[in-house]
Amino acid sequence: MLSATSKKIIILRNYFILMAMVTVMITGLGDLFDNPDRMGQKDRLNNYGRYISAGFVNQAQKVGR
């Protein structure tokens, strides 16, 4: 009986540790993506996306002719 109780306690403890770790990771990732210092980089990546899209459209037009 004692071992069954200790196994439940270990499982419960591991569950709480896992939930705490997930919470910290979610908070860290949220701060990483919403950081104002990264806004310039985000704009630059959006500009690269437009450049690549224009290249795909240009290539598709050449293939279509």
N, C-alpha and C. Protein backbone atom coordinates (compact mmCIF):
# COMPACT_ATOMS: atom_id res chain seq x y z
N MET A 1 0.82 -1.20 0.00
CA MET A 1 0.00 0.00 0.00
C MET A 1 0.86 1.25 0.00
N LEU A 2 1.96 1.17 0.68
CA LEU A 2 2.84 2.33 0.76
C LEU A 2 3.43 2.66 -0.61
N SER A 3 3.78 1.65 -1.38
CA SER A 3 4.37 1.90 -2.69
C SER A 3 3.35 2.51 -3.66
N ALA A 4 2.09 2.13 -3.54
CA ALA A 4 1.05 2.70 -4.41
C ALA A 4 0.89 4.19 -4.13
N THR A 5 0.94 4.56 -2.88
CA THR A 5 0.81 5.97 -2.51
C THR A 5 2.00 6.76 -3.01
N SER A 6 3.20 6.21 -2.85
CA SER A 6 4.38 6.94 -3.29
C SER A 6 4.42 7.06 -4.81
N LYS A 7 3.91 6.07 -5.55
CA LYS A 7 3.86 6.17 -7.01
C LYS A 7 2.91 7.27 -7.44
N LYS A 8 1.78 7.40 -6.74
CA LYS A 8 0.84 8.48 -7.07
C LYS A 8 1.46 9.84 -6.80
N ILE A 9 2.20 9.93 -5.72
CA ILE A 9 2.86 11.19 -5.39
C ILE A 9 3.91 11.54 -6.43
N ILE A 10 4.67 10.54 -6.88
CA ILE A 10 5.70 10.78 -7.89
C ILE A 10 5.05 11.22 -9.20
N ILE A 11 3.98 10.56 -9.60
CA ILE A 11 3.27 10.94 -10.83
C ILE A 11 2.73 12.35 -10.72
N LEU A 12 2.14 12.69 -9.60
CA LEU A 12 1.60 14.03 -9.39
C LEU A 12 2.71 15.08 -9.41
N ARG A 13 3.83 14.77 -8.76
CA ARG A 13 4.97 15.69 -8.74
C ARG A 13 5.50 15.91 -10.16
N ASN A 14 5.65 14.84 -10.93
CA ASN A 14 6.14 14.97 -12.30
C ASN A 14 5.17 15.76 -13.17
N TYR A 15 3.88 15.59 -12.94
CA TYR A 15 2.87 16.34 -13.69
C TYR A 15 3.00 17.84 -13.40
N PHE A 16 3.17 18.19 -12.14
CA PHE A 16 3.32 19.61 -11.78
C PHE A 16 4.60 20.20 -12.36
N ILE A 17 5.67 19.43 -12.35
CA ILE A 17 6.93 19.90 -12.93
C ILE A 17 6.76 20.12 -14.43
N LEU A 18 6.09 19.20 -15.10
CA LEU A 18 5.85 19.34 -16.53
C LEU A 18 5.00 20.56 -16.84
N MET A 19 3.94 20.78 -16.08
CA MET A 19 3.08 21.94 -16.31
C MET A 19 3.83 23.25 -16.06
N ALA A 20 4.69 23.28 -15.05
CA ALA A 20 5.47 24.49 -14.78
C ALA A 20 6.45 24.75 -15.93
N MET A 21 7.07 23.69 -16.44
CA MET A 21 8.01 23.85 -17.54
C MET A 21 7.31 24.33 -18.81
N VAL A 22 6.14 23.78 -19.10
CA VAL A 22 5.38 24.21 -20.28
C VAL A 22 4.96 25.66 -20.15
N THR A 23 4.53 26.06 -18.97
CA THR A 23 4.12 27.45 -18.74
C THR A 23 5.28 28.41 -18.95
N VAL A 24 6.45 28.07 -18.45
CA VAL A 24 7.62 28.93 -18.61
C VAL A 24 8.02 29.00 -20.09
N MET A 25 7.95 27.88 -20.80
CA MET A 25 8.31 27.89 -22.22
C MET A 25 7.33 28.72 -23.03
N ILE A 26 6.04 28.62 -22.75
CA ILE A 26 5.04 29.40 -23.48
C ILE A 26 5.25 30.89 -23.23
N THR A 27 5.52 31.25 -22.00
CA THR A 27 5.76 32.65 -21.67
C THR A 27 7.00 33.17 -22.38
N GLY A 28 8.06 32.36 -22.39
CA GLY A 28 9.31 32.76 -23.06
C GLY A 28 9.12 32.92 -24.55
N LEU A 29 8.39 32.02 -25.18
CA LEU A 29 8.15 32.13 -26.62
C LEU A 29 7.28 33.33 -26.94
N GLY A 30 6.30 33.61 -26.10
CA GLY A 30 5.46 34.79 -26.32
C GLY A 30 6.27 36.07 -26.24
N ASP A 31 7.17 36.16 -25.27
CA ASP A 31 8.02 37.34 -25.16
C ASP A 31 8.97 37.45 -26.33
N LEU A 32 9.42 36.32 -26.84
CA LEU A 32 10.34 36.34 -27.97
C LEU A 32 9.68 36.92 -29.22
N PHE A 33 8.43 36.54 -29.48
CA PHE A 33 7.77 36.98 -30.69
C PHE A 33 7.13 38.36 -30.56
N ASP A 34 6.82 38.81 -29.36
CA ASP A 34 6.20 40.12 -29.17
C ASP A 34 7.19 41.18 -28.72
N ASN A 35 8.46 40.90 -28.84
CA ASN A 35 9.49 41.82 -28.39
C ASN A 35 9.59 43.00 -29.35
N PRO A 36 9.48 44.24 -28.87
CA PRO A 36 9.54 45.41 -29.75
C PRO A 36 10.88 45.55 -30.47
N ASP A 37 11.95 45.02 -29.91
CA ASP A 37 13.26 45.12 -30.55
C ASP A 37 13.31 44.31 -31.84
N ARG A 38 12.40 43.35 -32.00
CA ARG A 38 12.42 42.49 -33.18
C ARG A 38 11.49 42.99 -34.29
N MET A 39 10.83 44.13 -34.08
CA MET A 39 9.90 44.64 -35.09
C MET A 39 10.61 44.99 -36.39
N GLY A 40 11.81 45.56 -36.31
CA GLY A 40 12.56 45.87 -37.52
C GLY A 40 12.90 44.61 -38.30
N GLN A 41 13.25 43.57 -37.59
CA GLN A 41 13.55 42.31 -38.26
C GLN A 41 12.30 41.72 -38.89
N LYS A 42 11.17 41.87 -38.24
CA LYS A 42 9.92 41.36 -38.79
C LYS A 42 9.57 42.08 -40.10
N ASP A 43 9.75 43.39 -40.12
CA ASP A 43 9.49 44.15 -41.35
C ASP A 43 10.44 43.73 -42.47
N ARG A 44 11.68 43.47 -42.11
CA ARG A 44 12.65 43.05 -43.11
C ARG A 44 12.28 41.68 -43.69
N LEU A 45 11.83 40.77 -42.83
CA LEU A 45 11.40 39.46 -43.31
C LEU A 45 10.16 39.57 -44.20
N ASN A 46 9.23 40.47 -43.87
CA ASN A 46 8.07 40.69 -44.72
C ASN A 46 8.49 41.21 -46.09
N ASN A 47 9.48 42.08 -46.12
CA ASN A 47 9.97 42.60 -47.40
C ASN A 47 10.61 41.49 -48.22
N TYR A 48 11.36 40.60 -47.58
CA TYR A 48 11.93 39.47 -48.31
C TYR A 48 10.83 38.60 -48.90
N GLY A 49 9.75 38.42 -48.16
CA GLY A 49 8.63 37.63 -48.65
C GLY A 49 8.02 38.24 -49.91
N ARG A 50 7.90 39.55 -49.93
CA ARG A 50 7.36 40.22 -51.13
C ARG A 50 8.31 40.05 -52.32
N TYR A 51 9.60 40.15 -52.06
CA TYR A 51 10.60 39.99 -53.11
C TYR A 51 10.55 38.57 -53.70
N ILE A 52 10.46 37.58 -52.83
CA ILE A 52 10.40 36.19 -53.30
C ILE A 52 9.10 35.93 -54.05
N SER A 53 7.99 36.47 -53.56
CA SER A 53 6.71 36.30 -54.25
C SER A 53 6.76 36.92 -55.64
N ALA A 54 7.37 38.09 -55.76
CA ALA A 54 7.48 38.73 -57.07
C ALA A 54 8.33 37.88 -58.01
N GLY A 55 9.36 37.25 -57.48
CA GLY A 55 10.19 36.36 -58.29
C GLY A 55 9.41 35.16 -58.78
N PHE A 56 8.56 34.59 -57.92
CA PHE A 56 7.73 33.44 -58.33
C PHE A 56 6.74 33.85 -59.43
N VAL A 57 6.14 35.02 -59.26
CA VAL A 57 5.17 35.49 -60.27
C VAL A 57 5.88 35.72 -61.59
N ASN A 58 7.04 36.33 -61.56
CA ASN A 58 7.81 36.59 -62.78
C ASN A 58 8.16 35.27 -63.48
N GLN A 59 8.62 34.30 -62.71
CA GLN A 59 8.99 33.00 -63.27
C GLN A 59 7.77 32.29 -63.85
N ALA A 60 6.63 32.38 -63.17
CA ALA A 60 5.41 31.73 -63.67
C ALA A 60 4.96 32.38 -64.98
N GLN A 61 5.13 33.69 -65.09
CA GLN A 61 4.77 34.38 -66.32
C GLN A 61 5.67 33.94 -67.47
N LYS A 62 6.95 33.76 -67.18
CA LYS A 62 7.88 33.31 -68.22
C LYS A 62 7.55 31.89 -68.68
N VAL A 63 7.20 31.01 -67.75
CA VAL A 63 6.87 29.63 -68.09
C VAL A 63 5.55 29.58 -68.86
N GLY A 64 4.62 30.46 -68.53
CA GLY A 64 3.31 30.46 -69.18
C GLY A 64 3.34 30.94 -70.62
N ARG A 65 4.36 31.67 -71.01
CA ARG A 65 4.42 32.23 -72.37
C ARG A 65 4.88 31.21 -73.36
